[in-house]
Amino acid sequence: MLILFGFINPIFSQNLEGINSGLKPQVVAIFPSSDTLPENLLRMYIHFSKPMKPVGNLEKIQLKDENGHEVVGAIFNNVYELWNHEQTQLTLLLDPSRVKTGLKSHKERGRALLNGKRYQLVIGELQDVDGRATTPFTKSITVVEEDMTAPNTDSWVFKMPKIGSRNPLIIKFPEMLDKLSMIQRLKVADGKNQAVAGKVEIISKETEWHFFPDKSWVAGNYILYVHSRLEDPSGNNLNGLFDHKPETLKNDHEGNIETITFKLTK
């Protein structure tokens, strides 16, 4: 039986290319990487070149509107900041109670991001574990209408690799998905239901998943395991919408596994 690992914990590690080897810590990437994002955006990730202090950072990160004014209460202030084990990746949540309609915060304050508006995510001087500060960093954001479409495997386009090569298995998605969710919640197994070891790369603004096997592909049957909590940046997953109505989820219980079988032939 294939053991599906890494599906439950939402905070996990990955090797990110371009990590700076210098002494001064830097912001090296922010995901979603696109500057055009939906009104109901739920989650962002900030990657740093060095391990960072895991406390006191959220107060130094602000969402500002077109006039340079802070959007108060936009970023959810967790009791404990959401860092990976290496303390190089910080997860930012836009206040879920404002994203999800029908809740008190949404009714009183609305969403932090508004369709048609422009914003800046401003990251101040955050300190690494040795007390060295980052240079302030800004990501520009243009907001479009809310994303109310859940991911659907029926819309995925597969490009199969050649037998005997280590070319990637490629999946193209009609919209961007959550990068770290893709790394964690898509797994490949062979015809004997054994995990295929390899490396994952996410490109094209998180609309393509590339799986490079450690060993050359051989002819035979394969299985792609897809966890139902595979999400887009708005928190919509294979089971339904983050902002779902009662009794609209596909399954009452989260955590189901979908399988997609494919065959490689000579």
Protein backbone atom coordinates (compact mmCIF):
# COMPACT_ATOMS: atom_id res chain seq x y z
CA MET A 1 0.00 0.00 0.00
CA LEU A 2 1.30 3.43 -0.88
CA ILE A 3 1.73 5.69 2.14
CA LEU A 4 0.50 9.17 1.31
CA PHE A 5 2.62 11.54 3.32
CA GLY A 6 2.65 15.27 3.89
CA PHE A 7 -1.05 15.88 3.28
CA ILE A 8 -2.16 17.06 6.70
CA ASN A 9 0.31 19.67 7.96
CA PRO A 10 -0.24 23.01 6.17
CA ILE A 11 3.19 24.33 7.22
CA PHE A 12 6.02 22.49 5.51
CA SER A 13 9.41 22.94 3.93
CA GLN A 14 10.68 23.17 0.40
CA ASN A 15 13.96 23.95 -1.28
CA LEU A 16 13.64 27.24 -3.11
CA GLU A 17 16.15 28.10 -5.83
CA GLY A 18 17.81 31.48 -5.63
CA ILE A 19 18.44 31.45 -1.89
CA ASN A 20 21.02 34.18 -1.24
CA SER A 21 24.27 33.09 0.39
CA GLY A 22 25.26 36.56 1.60
CA LEU A 23 25.09 37.77 5.17
CA LYS A 24 22.13 40.15 4.88
CA PRO A 25 18.74 38.41 4.84
CA GLN A 26 16.48 39.13 1.89
CA VAL A 27 12.95 38.50 0.70
CA VAL A 28 13.58 36.11 -2.22
CA ALA A 29 10.02 35.30 -3.31
CA ILE A 30 6.35 35.89 -2.56
CA PHE A 31 3.57 33.54 -3.61
CA PRO A 32 1.21 33.78 -5.34
CA SER A 33 3.82 35.13 -7.74
CA SER A 34 1.24 36.91 -9.92
CA ASP A 35 0.55 40.58 -9.22
CA THR A 36 -3.08 40.09 -10.30
CA LEU A 37 -5.01 38.41 -7.51
CA PRO A 38 -8.66 37.71 -6.67
CA GLU A 39 -10.68 39.74 -4.20
CA ASN A 40 -11.14 36.71 -1.95
CA LEU A 41 -7.42 35.90 -1.68
CA LEU A 42 -6.86 33.95 1.52
CA ARG A 43 -3.18 33.12 1.81
CA MET A 44 0.30 34.31 0.80
CA TYR A 45 3.80 32.99 1.44
CA ILE A 46 6.97 35.04 1.96
CA HIS A 47 10.32 33.31 1.45
CA PHE A 48 13.53 34.59 3.00
CA SER A 49 17.18 33.88 2.25
CA LYS A 50 18.03 33.22 5.91
CA PRO A 51 16.32 31.72 8.96
CA MET A 52 14.29 34.50 10.56
CA LYS A 53 13.16 35.32 14.09
CA PRO A 54 9.74 33.64 14.40
CA VAL A 55 8.05 36.37 16.44
CA GLY A 56 7.23 40.05 16.09
CA ASN A 57 7.05 40.08 12.29
CA LEU A 58 3.37 40.52 11.47
CA GLU A 59 3.31 44.00 12.97
CA LYS A 60 5.99 44.99 10.44
CA ILE A 61 4.00 43.78 7.43
CA GLN A 62 1.20 45.97 6.08
CA LEU A 63 -1.29 45.98 3.25
CA LYS A 64 -1.64 49.53 1.90
CA ASP A 65 -4.21 50.97 -0.48
CA GLU A 66 -3.68 53.19 -3.53
CA ASN A 67 -3.31 56.24 -1.29
CA GLY A 68 -0.66 54.63 0.88
CA HIS A 69 -3.01 54.09 3.82
CA GLU A 70 -2.85 50.86 5.75
CA VAL A 71 -5.83 48.54 5.36
CA VAL A 72 -6.36 47.97 9.07
CA GLY A 73 -7.09 44.40 10.08
CA ALA A 74 -6.29 42.95 6.65
CA ILE A 75 -3.64 40.50 7.85
CA PHE A 76 -4.77 37.97 10.42
CA ASN A 77 -2.67 38.36 13.55
CA ASN A 78 -2.01 34.80 14.67
CA VAL A 79 -1.02 34.12 18.24
CA TYR A 80 1.85 32.09 16.78
CA GLU A 81 3.32 33.09 13.44
CA LEU A 82 3.16 30.39 10.75
CA TRP A 83 6.77 29.50 9.91
CA ASN A 84 8.24 26.40 8.34
CA HIS A 85 10.78 24.37 10.29
CA GLU A 86 13.74 26.26 8.81
CA GLN A 87 12.10 29.61 9.60
CA THR A 88 12.60 30.74 6.00
CA GLN A 89 8.93 30.73 4.94
CA LEU A 90 6.23 32.82 6.57
CA THR A 91 2.56 32.18 5.81
CA LEU A 92 0.34 35.27 5.77
CA LEU A 93 -3.41 34.88 6.14
CA LEU A 94 -5.81 37.57 5.09
CA ASP A 95 -8.43 37.58 7.84
CA PRO A 96 -10.63 34.57 6.93
CA SER A 97 -13.63 36.08 8.74
CA ARG A 98 -13.52 38.99 6.29
CA VAL A 99 -12.94 36.80 3.25
CA LYS A 100 -15.87 34.49 3.96
CA THR A 101 -19.28 36.08 3.39
CA GLY A 102 -22.00 35.90 6.00
CA LEU A 103 -19.69 36.33 8.99
CA LYS A 104 -19.81 39.32 11.32
CA SER A 105 -16.43 40.76 10.28
CA HIS A 106 -17.34 40.52 6.60
CA LYS A 107 -20.67 42.25 7.18
CA GLU A 108 -19.09 45.03 9.25
CA ARG A 109 -15.81 45.66 7.40
CA GLY A 110 -15.99 43.79 4.10
CA ARG A 111 -13.01 42.22 2.43
CA ALA A 112 -9.57 43.75 2.73
CA LEU A 113 -9.08 43.54 -1.04
CA LEU A 114 -11.62 45.13 -3.36
CA ASN A 115 -12.15 44.32 -7.03
CA GLY A 116 -10.62 46.94 -9.35
CA LYS A 117 -8.35 48.44 -6.69
CA ARG A 118 -4.56 48.38 -6.37
CA TYR A 119 -2.60 47.65 -3.22
CA GLN A 120 0.92 47.17 -1.95
CA LEU A 121 2.10 44.49 0.44
CA VAL A 122 4.84 46.28 2.37
CA ILE A 123 7.34 44.15 4.28
CA GLY A 124 9.42 46.18 6.71
CA GLU A 125 12.77 45.43 8.30
CA LEU A 126 12.41 41.90 9.63
CA GLN A 127 15.29 40.36 11.55
CA ASP A 128 16.98 37.03 11.00
CA VAL A 129 18.02 34.80 13.90
CA ASP A 130 21.33 36.70 14.17
CA GLY A 131 19.61 40.08 14.40
CA ARG A 132 20.37 41.30 10.87
CA ALA A 133 17.52 43.16 9.19
CA THR A 134 16.09 42.75 5.72
CA THR A 135 15.81 45.61 3.27
CA PRO A 136 12.14 46.70 3.06
CA PHE A 137 10.31 44.94 0.22
CA THR A 138 7.10 45.81 -1.63
CA LYS A 139 4.81 43.65 -3.78
CA SER A 140 2.25 45.43 -5.95
CA ILE A 141 -1.20 43.85 -6.25
CA THR A 142 -4.00 44.50 -8.72
CA VAL A 143 -7.29 43.00 -7.54
CA VAL A 144 -9.79 41.29 -9.83
CA GLU A 145 -13.16 39.70 -9.10
CA GLU A 146 -13.50 36.95 -6.53
CA ASP A 147 -12.57 33.39 -7.48
CA MET A 148 -15.62 31.24 -6.90
CA THR A 149 -14.53 28.26 -8.98
CA ALA A 150 -13.22 25.20 -7.17
CA PRO A 151 -10.32 23.23 -8.70
CA ASN A 152 -11.50 20.34 -10.85
CA THR A 153 -9.29 17.51 -12.09
CA ASP A 154 -11.46 17.16 -15.22
CA SER A 155 -10.03 20.44 -16.51
CA TRP A 156 -6.38 19.46 -16.12
CA VAL A 157 -4.22 18.91 -19.20
CA PHE A 158 -1.50 16.25 -19.01
CA LYS A 159 1.70 16.08 -21.04
CA MET A 160 3.25 12.64 -20.78
CA PRO A 161 7.02 12.05 -20.69
CA LYS A 162 8.87 9.69 -23.00
CA ILE A 163 9.88 6.21 -21.87
CA GLY A 164 13.58 6.02 -20.99
CA SER A 165 13.81 9.74 -20.26
CA ARG A 166 13.77 11.75 -17.07
CA ASN A 167 11.62 14.40 -18.70
CA PRO A 168 8.87 15.72 -16.46
CA LEU A 169 5.30 14.63 -16.19
CA ILE A 170 3.51 17.95 -16.74
CA ILE A 171 0.06 19.02 -15.59
CA LYS A 172 -1.39 22.35 -16.75
CA PHE A 173 -4.19 23.97 -14.77
CA PRO A 174 -6.75 26.48 -16.09
CA GLU A 175 -6.03 28.79 -13.13
CA MET A 176 -3.29 29.25 -10.56
CA LEU A 177 -3.23 26.90 -7.61
CA ASP A 178 -1.56 27.25 -4.23
CA LYS A 179 2.10 26.45 -4.85
CA LEU A 180 2.87 24.71 -1.59
CA SER A 181 -0.39 22.81 -1.72
CA MET A 182 0.64 21.43 -5.12
CA ILE A 183 4.02 20.32 -3.81
CA GLN A 184 2.45 18.55 -0.86
CA ARG A 185 -0.80 17.16 -2.22
CA LEU A 186 0.09 15.60 -5.57
CA LYS A 187 1.94 12.28 -5.49
CA VAL A 188 2.94 9.81 -8.22
CA ALA A 189 2.97 6.02 -7.78
CA ASP A 190 3.89 3.21 -10.16
CA GLY A 191 1.77 0.22 -11.18
CA LYS A 192 2.77 -1.61 -7.99
CA ASN A 193 1.47 1.30 -5.93
CA GLN A 194 4.95 2.34 -4.84
CA ALA A 195 5.81 6.00 -4.60
CA VAL A 196 7.91 7.35 -7.48
CA ALA A 197 10.75 9.45 -6.09
CA GLY A 198 11.39 12.75 -7.78
CA LYS A 199 11.45 16.52 -7.67
CA VAL A 200 8.58 18.95 -8.23
CA GLU A 201 8.83 22.33 -9.93
CA ILE A 202 5.98 24.84 -10.19
CA ILE A 203 6.12 27.38 -13.04
CA SER A 204 4.00 29.76 -15.13
CA LYS A 205 2.65 31.62 -12.11
CA GLU A 206 1.55 28.44 -10.40
CA THR A 207 -0.44 27.11 -13.36
CA GLU A 208 1.92 24.23 -14.20
CA TRP A 209 3.16 21.29 -12.09
CA HIS A 210 6.28 19.48 -13.33
CA PHE A 211 7.39 16.18 -11.79
CA PHE A 212 10.96 15.08 -12.58
CA PRO A 213 11.62 11.43 -11.58
CA ASP A 214 14.91 10.47 -9.95
CA LYS A 215 15.13 7.53 -12.35
CA SER A 216 14.13 7.24 -16.00
CA TRP A 217 10.50 6.49 -16.78
CA VAL A 218 9.69 2.88 -17.65
CA ALA A 219 6.69 1.59 -19.56
CA GLY A 220 3.69 0.71 -17.44
CA ASN A 221 0.78 1.95 -15.43
CA TYR A 222 0.99 4.87 -13.03
CA ILE A 223 -1.27 6.57 -10.52
CA LEU A 224 -1.49 10.24 -9.61
CA TYR A 225 -2.83 10.65 -6.09
CA VAL A 226 -4.60 13.96 -5.49
CA HIS A 227 -5.63 14.99 -2.00
CA SER A 228 -9.01 16.71 -1.90
CA ARG A 229 -7.51 19.61 0.05
CA LEU A 230 -5.47 20.68 -2.97
CA GLU A 231 -6.26 24.39 -2.97
CA ASP A 232 -6.08 27.58 -4.96
CA PRO A 233 -4.91 30.81 -3.25
CA SER A 234 -8.50 31.59 -2.22
CA GLY A 235 -8.81 28.37 -0.23
CA ASN A 236 -11.11 26.65 -2.73
CA ASN A 237 -10.25 22.96 -2.94
CA LEU A 238 -11.36 19.83 -4.76
CA ASN A 239 -14.10 19.31 -2.19
CA GLY A 240 -15.69 22.70 -2.80
CA LEU A 241 -15.42 26.43 -2.18
CA PHE A 242 -13.87 28.05 0.89
CA ASP A 243 -16.93 30.32 0.92
CA HIS A 244 -19.30 27.39 0.50
CA LYS A 245 -22.99 27.29 1.22
CA PRO A 246 -24.46 24.57 3.47
CA GLU A 247 -24.58 21.11 1.87
CA THR A 248 -22.61 22.18 -1.21
CA LEU A 249 -19.37 20.29 -0.47
CA LYS A 250 -18.76 17.12 -2.47
CA ASN A 251 -18.04 15.15 0.68
CA ASP A 252 -19.02 15.72 4.30
CA HIS A 253 -15.53 14.81 5.49
CA GLU A 254 -12.37 16.51 4.24
CA GLY A 255 -9.34 14.46 3.37
CA ASN A 256 -10.47 12.19 0.55
CA ILE A 257 -7.99 11.00 -2.06
CA GLU A 258 -8.72 11.09 -5.78
CA THR A 259 -6.76 8.91 -8.18
CA ILE A 260 -5.93 9.52 -11.82
CA THR A 261 -4.44 6.59 -13.69
CA PHE A 262 -2.23 6.92 -16.76
CA LYS A 263 -0.08 4.60 -18.84
CA LEU A 264 3.30 5.14 -20.46
CA THR A 265 3.98 3.07 -23.56
CA LYS A 266 6.89 2.73 -25.95
